[in-house]
Amino acid sequence: MPVEPKVFAVYIMSNWKRGVLYVGVTSNLENRARQHREGELEGFSKTYQLKRLVWYRFYDDAHEAIRFEKQPKRWRRAWKFRLVEEMNPEWDDLWLSLIGWKDLGPLSHLQGR
């Protein structure tokens, strides 16, 4: 039985449009975003209620993902905003489409601010 290759993701969570940002890396984006949303992760993201997945990029190689994740952490906020807005100009919560809720109609009441 073939083993599915692992996929890694660098992601950005926020509390609202152009709000506080958290950059992370994971091998299970759907689960990690859910953990942020439900406040299961202690620390910075829980303190600032970073529940909105606003940007992500997938990688086949863990080392490449980790290498990229370190870059935005050193960037100016404006550069991170530009990165997010190239993919997600409205700062929508991308977790909803990631889990397959994209065709359920207006979901703004589920997206926080």
C-alpha atoms as a PDB file:
ATOM      1  CA  MET A   1       0.000   0.000   0.000  1.00  0.00           C
ATOM      2  CA  PRO A   2       1.578   3.305  -1.089  1.00  0.00           C
ATOM      3  CA  VAL A   3       2.236   5.926   1.579  1.00  0.00           C
ATOM      4  CA  GLU A   4       0.922   9.387   0.818  1.00  0.00           C
ATOM      5  CA  PRO A   5       3.708  11.981   0.829  1.00  0.00           C
ATOM      6  CA  LYS A   6       3.565  14.556   3.602  1.00  0.00           C
ATOM      7  CA  VAL A   7       2.687  18.088   2.631  1.00  0.00           C
ATOM      8  CA  PHE A   8       3.875  21.016   4.734  1.00  0.00           C
ATOM      9  CA  ALA A   9       2.342  24.472   4.945  1.00  0.00           C
ATOM     10  CA  VAL A  10       3.564  27.872   5.989  1.00  0.00           C
ATOM     11  CA  TYR A  11       0.582  29.901   7.125  1.00  0.00           C
ATOM     12  CA  ILE A  12      -0.462  33.246   8.560  1.00  0.00           C
ATOM     13  CA  MET A  13      -3.201  33.705  11.135  1.00  0.00           C
ATOM     14  CA  SER A  14      -4.738  37.053  12.068  1.00  0.00           C
ATOM     15  CA  ASN A  15      -7.460  38.428  14.306  1.00  0.00           C
ATOM     16  CA  TRP A  16      -8.883  40.804  11.682  1.00  0.00           C
ATOM     17  CA  LYS A  17      -7.935  42.639   8.498  1.00  0.00           C
ATOM     18  CA  ARG A  18      -4.442  44.104   8.919  1.00  0.00           C
ATOM     19  CA  GLY A  19      -4.466  43.096  12.570  1.00  0.00           C
ATOM     20  CA  VAL A  20      -1.991  41.071  14.594  1.00  0.00           C
ATOM     21  CA  LEU A  21      -0.189  38.380  12.583  1.00  0.00           C
ATOM     22  CA  TYR A  22       1.227  34.964  13.430  1.00  0.00           C
ATOM     23  CA  VAL A  23       3.421  33.036  10.987  1.00  0.00           C
ATOM     24  CA  GLY A  24       3.688  29.281  11.479  1.00  0.00           C
ATOM     25  CA  VAL A  25       4.541  26.004   9.797  1.00  0.00           C
ATOM     26  CA  THR A  26       2.722  22.676  10.040  1.00  0.00           C
ATOM     27  CA  SER A  27       2.291  19.312   8.376  1.00  0.00           C
ATOM     28  CA  ASN A  28      -1.494  19.445   8.885  1.00  0.00           C
ATOM     29  CA  LEU A  29      -2.881  22.871   8.012  1.00  0.00           C
ATOM     30  CA  GLU A  30      -6.542  22.003   8.463  1.00  0.00           C
ATOM     31  CA  ASN A  31      -5.981  20.726  11.994  1.00  0.00           C
ATOM     32  CA  ARG A  32      -3.549  23.480  13.001  1.00  0.00           C
ATOM     33  CA  ALA A  33      -5.926  26.227  11.823  1.00  0.00           C
ATOM     34  CA  ARG A  34      -8.732  24.535  13.763  1.00  0.00           C
ATOM     35  CA  GLN A  35      -6.531  24.516  16.880  1.00  0.00           C
ATOM     36  CA  HIS A  36      -5.938  28.261  16.495  1.00  0.00           C
ATOM     37  CA  ARG A  37      -9.654  28.885  15.926  1.00  0.00           C
ATOM     38  CA  GLU A  38     -10.663  26.925  19.021  1.00  0.00           C
ATOM     39  CA  GLY A  39      -8.000  28.478  21.257  1.00  0.00           C
ATOM     40  CA  GLU A  40      -6.267  25.151  21.880  1.00  0.00           C
ATOM     41  CA  LEU A  41      -2.757  26.545  21.379  1.00  0.00           C
ATOM     42  CA  GLU A  42      -1.401  28.417  24.382  1.00  0.00           C
ATOM     43  CA  GLY A  43       0.693  31.524  23.887  1.00  0.00           C
ATOM     44  CA  PHE A  44       0.789  34.372  21.402  1.00  0.00           C
ATOM     45  CA  SER A  45      -1.993  33.197  19.066  1.00  0.00           C
ATOM     46  CA  LYS A  46      -4.391  32.525  21.943  1.00  0.00           C
ATOM     47  CA  THR A  47      -3.577  35.807  23.705  1.00  0.00           C
ATOM     48  CA  TYR A  48      -4.353  37.833  20.574  1.00  0.00           C
ATOM     49  CA  GLN A  49      -7.228  35.584  19.417  1.00  0.00           C
ATOM     50  CA  LEU A  50      -5.627  34.809  16.054  1.00  0.00           C
ATOM     51  CA  LYS A  51      -8.410  32.664  14.631  1.00  0.00           C
ATOM     52  CA  ARG A  52      -8.501  33.713  10.981  1.00  0.00           C
ATOM     53  CA  LEU A  53      -6.353  31.814   8.463  1.00  0.00           C
ATOM     54  CA  VAL A  54      -5.490  34.555   5.972  1.00  0.00           C
ATOM     55  CA  TRP A  55      -2.621  33.088   3.938  1.00  0.00           C
ATOM     56  CA  TYR A  56      -0.874  29.777   3.297  1.00  0.00           C
ATOM     57  CA  ARG A  57       1.548  28.113   0.928  1.00  0.00           C
ATOM     58  CA  PHE A  58       2.199  24.375   0.571  1.00  0.00           C
ATOM     59  CA  TYR A  59       5.602  22.693   0.321  1.00  0.00           C
ATOM     60  CA  ASP A  60       6.663  19.122  -0.394  1.00  0.00           C
ATOM     61  CA  ASP A  61       9.834  19.498   1.642  1.00  0.00           C
ATOM     62  CA  ALA A  62       9.829  20.227   5.394  1.00  0.00           C
ATOM     63  CA  HIS A  63      13.202  21.991   5.310  1.00  0.00           C
ATOM     64  CA  GLU A  64      12.031  24.303   2.523  1.00  0.00           C
ATOM     65  CA  ALA A  65       8.846  25.146   4.464  1.00  0.00           C
ATOM     66  CA  ILE A  66      10.774  25.888   7.643  1.00  0.00           C
ATOM     67  CA  ARG A  67      13.291  28.000   5.722  1.00  0.00           C
ATOM     68  CA  PHE A  68      10.488  30.108   4.205  1.00  0.00           C
ATOM     69  CA  GLU A  69       8.587  30.374   7.516  1.00  0.00           C
ATOM     70  CA  LYS A  70      11.575  32.123   9.095  1.00  0.00           C
ATOM     71  CA  GLN A  71      11.673  34.821   6.401  1.00  0.00           C
ATOM     72  CA  PRO A  72       8.319  36.594   6.998  1.00  0.00           C
ATOM     73  CA  LYS A  73       8.964  36.569  10.740  1.00  0.00           C
ATOM     74  CA  ARG A  74      11.772  39.070  10.055  1.00  0.00           C
ATOM     75  CA  TRP A  75       9.810  41.162   7.555  1.00  0.00           C
ATOM     76  CA  ARG A  76       8.164  44.507   8.165  1.00  0.00           C
ATOM     77  CA  ARG A  77       4.405  44.351   8.727  1.00  0.00           C
ATOM     78  CA  ALA A  78       3.748  46.083   5.394  1.00  0.00           C
ATOM     79  CA  TRP A  79       5.579  43.282   3.545  1.00  0.00           C
ATOM     80  CA  LYS A  80       3.511  40.631   5.324  1.00  0.00           C
ATOM     81  CA  PHE A  81       0.329  42.576   4.534  1.00  0.00           C
ATOM     82  CA  ARG A  82       1.334  42.626   0.863  1.00  0.00           C
ATOM     83  CA  LEU A  83       1.965  38.861   0.912  1.00  0.00           C
ATOM     84  CA  VAL A  84      -1.488  38.219   2.395  1.00  0.00           C
ATOM     85  CA  GLU A  85      -3.263  40.635   0.063  1.00  0.00           C
ATOM     86  CA  GLU A  86      -1.719  39.093  -3.063  1.00  0.00           C
ATOM     87  CA  MET A  87      -3.561  35.868  -2.204  1.00  0.00           C
ATOM     88  CA  ASN A  88      -6.437  37.174  -0.118  1.00  0.00           C
ATOM     89  CA  PRO A  89      -7.202  40.888  -0.703  1.00  0.00           C
ATOM     90  CA  GLU A  90     -10.256  40.883   1.585  1.00  0.00           C
ATOM     91  CA  TRP A  91      -8.528  38.985   4.398  1.00  0.00           C
ATOM     92  CA  ASP A  92     -11.246  36.324   4.320  1.00  0.00           C
ATOM     93  CA  ASP A  93     -10.939  33.317   6.602  1.00  0.00           C
ATOM     94  CA  LEU A  94      -9.439  30.756   4.219  1.00  0.00           C
ATOM     95  CA  TRP A  95      -9.979  27.897   6.661  1.00  0.00           C
ATOM     96  CA  LEU A  96     -13.622  27.786   5.603  1.00  0.00           C
ATOM     97  CA  SER A  97     -12.712  27.065   1.972  1.00  0.00           C
ATOM     98  CA  LEU A  98      -9.862  24.770   3.032  1.00  0.00           C
ATOM     99  CA  ILE A  99     -12.344  22.453   4.750  1.00  0.00           C
ATOM    100  CA  GLY A 100     -14.831  22.640   1.866  1.00  0.00           C
ATOM    101  CA  TRP A 101     -17.326  25.249   3.069  1.00  0.00           C
ATOM    102  CA  LYS A 102     -16.789  27.567   0.114  1.00  0.00           C
ATOM    103  CA  ASP A 103     -20.174  26.829  -1.504  1.00  0.00           C
ATOM    104  CA  LEU A 104     -22.416  27.340   1.525  1.00  0.00           C
ATOM    105  CA  GLY A 105     -23.260  30.950   0.791  1.00  0.00           C
ATOM    106  CA  PRO A 106     -22.581  34.001   2.982  1.00  0.00           C
ATOM    107  CA  LEU A 107     -20.524  32.990   5.991  1.00  0.00           C
ATOM    108  CA  SER A 108     -19.461  36.390   7.294  1.00  0.00           C
ATOM    109  CA  HIS A 109     -21.108  35.628  10.645  1.00  0.00           C
ATOM    110  CA  LEU A 110     -18.599  32.755  11.051  1.00  0.00           C
ATOM    111  CA  GLN A 111     -15.550  34.819  10.130  1.00  0.00           C
ATOM    112  CA  GLY A 112     -15.313  37.120  13.137  1.00  0.00           C
ATOM    113  CA  ARG A 113     -14.632  40.776  12.464  1.00  0.00           C
END
